[in-house]
Protein backbone atom coordinates (compact mmCIF):
# COMPACT_ATOMS: atom_id res chain seq x y z
CA MET A 1 -50.01 51.52 -45.43
CA ILE A 2 -47.49 51.68 -42.65
CA PHE A 3 -45.92 48.14 -43.19
CA LEU A 4 -46.86 47.31 -46.41
CA HIS A 5 -44.09 49.05 -47.89
CA LEU A 6 -41.27 47.09 -45.87
CA LEU A 7 -43.21 44.00 -46.82
CA LEU A 8 -43.24 44.70 -50.64
CA GLY A 9 -39.56 45.10 -50.57
CA LEU A 10 -39.47 41.80 -48.72
CA ILE A 11 -41.89 40.00 -51.36
CA CYS A 12 -39.62 41.07 -54.16
CA GLY A 13 -36.31 40.70 -52.82
CA GLY A 14 -37.14 37.37 -51.73
CA LEU A 15 -38.57 36.46 -55.52
CA PHE A 16 -35.71 38.16 -57.30
CA GLY A 17 -33.16 38.09 -54.89
CA ASN A 18 -30.99 41.38 -53.55
CA SER A 19 -33.36 42.32 -50.46
CA LEU A 20 -32.12 45.14 -49.17
CA PHE A 21 -32.13 46.61 -52.31
CA PHE A 22 -35.92 46.05 -52.56
CA VAL A 23 -36.62 47.28 -49.39
CA PHE A 24 -34.23 50.63 -49.68
CA ALA A 25 -36.66 51.15 -52.79
CA SER A 26 -39.66 50.68 -51.31
CA MET A 27 -39.35 52.62 -48.05
CA LEU A 28 -37.04 55.47 -49.24
CA PRO A 29 -40.34 57.88 -49.78
CA ASP A 30 -40.99 57.35 -46.06
CA ILE A 31 -37.22 59.09 -45.17
CA ASP A 32 -39.50 62.49 -44.54
CA HIS A 33 -41.08 60.68 -41.25
CA PHE A 34 -37.93 60.27 -39.71
CA TYR A 35 -37.54 64.49 -40.25
CA LEU A 36 -40.65 65.26 -39.25
CA ILE A 37 -40.30 62.90 -36.10
CA VAL A 38 -37.39 64.95 -35.32
CA LYS A 39 -38.34 68.35 -36.81
CA HIS A 40 -41.51 68.33 -34.19
CA LYS A 41 -39.94 66.12 -31.14
CA LEU A 42 -41.91 63.42 -31.53
CA PHE A 43 -40.50 61.44 -29.14
CA PRO A 44 -41.04 58.35 -27.70
CA ILE A 45 -42.49 56.30 -30.99
CA LYS A 46 -45.89 55.99 -29.10
CA LYS A 47 -46.39 60.14 -29.90
CA ALA A 48 -45.36 59.62 -33.19
CA ILE A 49 -48.08 57.09 -34.25
CA LYS A 50 -50.51 58.60 -32.39
CA VAL A 51 -49.81 62.02 -34.21
CA LEU A 52 -49.73 60.19 -37.80
CA LYS A 53 -52.99 58.40 -36.78
CA LYS A 54 -54.54 62.06 -36.90
CA GLU A 55 -52.86 64.15 -38.50
CA GLU A 56 -55.37 66.52 -39.19
CA GLU A 57 -55.74 66.75 -35.30
CA HIS A 58 -52.22 67.48 -35.09
CA GLY A 59 -51.53 69.97 -37.77
CA ILE A 60 -48.71 67.55 -38.81
CA HIS A 61 -48.80 65.65 -41.97
CA PHE A 62 -46.30 62.81 -42.21
CA LYS A 63 -46.05 63.28 -46.17
CA THR A 64 -43.54 65.67 -47.31
CA PRO A 65 -44.98 66.95 -51.27
CA LEU A 66 -41.35 65.88 -52.83
CA MET A 67 -40.93 62.23 -51.18
CA HIS A 68 -44.63 61.54 -51.78
CA SER A 69 -44.56 63.06 -55.65
CA LEU A 70 -43.84 62.09 -58.76
CA LEU A 71 -40.83 64.23 -58.85
CA GLY A 72 -39.63 62.82 -56.01
CA LEU A 73 -39.79 59.92 -57.82
CA ALA A 74 -37.96 61.47 -60.71
CA ILE A 75 -35.29 63.18 -58.69
CA CYS A 76 -34.57 60.00 -56.53
CA SER A 77 -34.26 57.79 -59.71
CA SER A 78 -32.09 60.27 -61.44
CA LEU A 79 -29.76 60.48 -58.69
CA PHE A 80 -29.91 56.69 -58.24
CA PHE A 81 -28.80 56.27 -62.10
CA ILE A 82 -26.04 58.69 -61.59
CA ILE A 83 -25.05 56.85 -58.66
CA THR A 84 -25.29 53.16 -59.79
CA SER A 85 -25.17 53.86 -63.91
CA SER A 86 -27.03 50.31 -63.96
CA LYS A 87 -30.24 51.19 -66.21
CA GLN A 88 -31.62 47.56 -64.67
CA TYR A 89 -31.38 48.77 -61.12
CA THR A 90 -33.15 52.26 -61.70
CA ILE A 91 -35.85 50.93 -63.55
CA LEU A 92 -36.82 48.40 -60.52
CA PHE A 93 -35.65 51.29 -58.06
CA SER A 94 -38.54 53.07 -59.76
CA LEU A 95 -40.91 50.47 -59.73
CA MET A 96 -40.20 50.24 -55.96
CA TYR A 97 -40.61 53.91 -55.35
CA GLY A 98 -43.97 54.20 -57.71
CA SER A 99 -45.07 50.98 -55.93
CA HIS A 100 -44.85 53.07 -52.51
CA LEU A 101 -46.86 55.93 -53.80
CA LEU A 102 -49.65 53.83 -55.20
CA LEU A 103 -49.71 52.03 -51.64
CA ASP A 104 -50.37 55.18 -50.08
CA TRP A 105 -53.03 56.30 -52.36
CA PRO A 106 -55.63 54.51 -50.62
CA ASP A 107 -54.95 56.47 -47.39
CA ILE A 108 -56.92 59.26 -46.14
CA ASP A 109 -54.35 61.38 -45.40
CA LYS A 110 -53.33 64.27 -47.71
CA LYS A 111 -51.11 63.48 -50.69
CA ARG A 112 -49.33 65.86 -53.33
CA TYR A 113 -48.30 63.51 -56.47
CA LEU A 114 -48.10 65.84 -58.74
CA TYR A 115 -45.94 68.14 -56.49
CA PRO A 116 -45.08 71.68 -56.94
CA MET A 117 -48.81 71.75 -58.46
CA LYS A 118 -51.19 72.38 -55.37
CA LYS A 119 -53.42 69.41 -56.57
CA GLU A 120 -54.12 67.17 -53.14
CA PHE A 121 -55.26 63.55 -53.39
CA ARG A 122 -56.65 61.84 -50.33
CA GLY A 123 -57.93 57.95 -50.42
CA PHE A 124 -60.51 56.49 -48.17
CA LEU A 125 -58.89 54.50 -45.85
CA PRO A 126 -58.47 55.27 -42.03
CA ILE A 127 -54.60 54.81 -41.25
CA TRP A 128 -54.12 51.52 -39.91
CA SER A 129 -57.58 50.38 -40.85
CA LYS A 130 -59.05 46.89 -40.70
CA THR A 131 -58.63 46.53 -44.42
CA GLU A 132 -54.68 47.58 -44.09
CA LYS A 133 -54.39 45.40 -41.37
CA PHE A 134 -56.11 42.28 -43.82
CA ILE A 135 -53.70 43.10 -46.40
CA THR A 136 -50.77 43.44 -44.29
CA SER A 137 -51.30 39.99 -42.55
CA ILE A 138 -51.84 38.26 -46.55
CA ALA A 139 -48.42 40.00 -47.40
CA LEU A 140 -47.01 38.92 -43.88
CA ILE A 141 -47.78 35.52 -44.57
CA THR A 142 -46.26 35.77 -47.88
CA VAL A 143 -43.25 36.90 -47.06
CA ILE A 144 -43.20 34.12 -44.23
CA ILE A 145 -43.99 31.43 -46.97
CA ILE A 146 -41.15 32.97 -49.54
CA TYR A 147 -38.41 32.63 -46.62
CA THR A 148 -38.87 29.25 -45.61
CA LEU A 149 -39.37 27.47 -48.72
């Protein structure tokens, strides 16, 4: 769900305030994408998108086991709490991070939510499928409505 993480953060930010916080929390697990783009020299961005759409063909998986796992959620939430000492914001942070993992679930690529266990999960939707485009369009319309009212 390529853009849906951003849009969900914007929707929550528009409804509850502090958009930057919600966008950060909902997109943090994808920081591993930047690491892999640099590591594998996937420049320009068109090349990175091509590899993202067909990870198996290229042998590069954009979801690293740690950042896209419950362990990653626990570690990042704990670090967030240590930095902020705010229980309320840590709970919201954890919910947004968890929403990222849930939104990734339907994607067909491999995920290891129970890392360090070897169990892999696969969804049923190809990357940037018609279903994903439809859901993203609805989320985009929702963002526009929230921020223009």
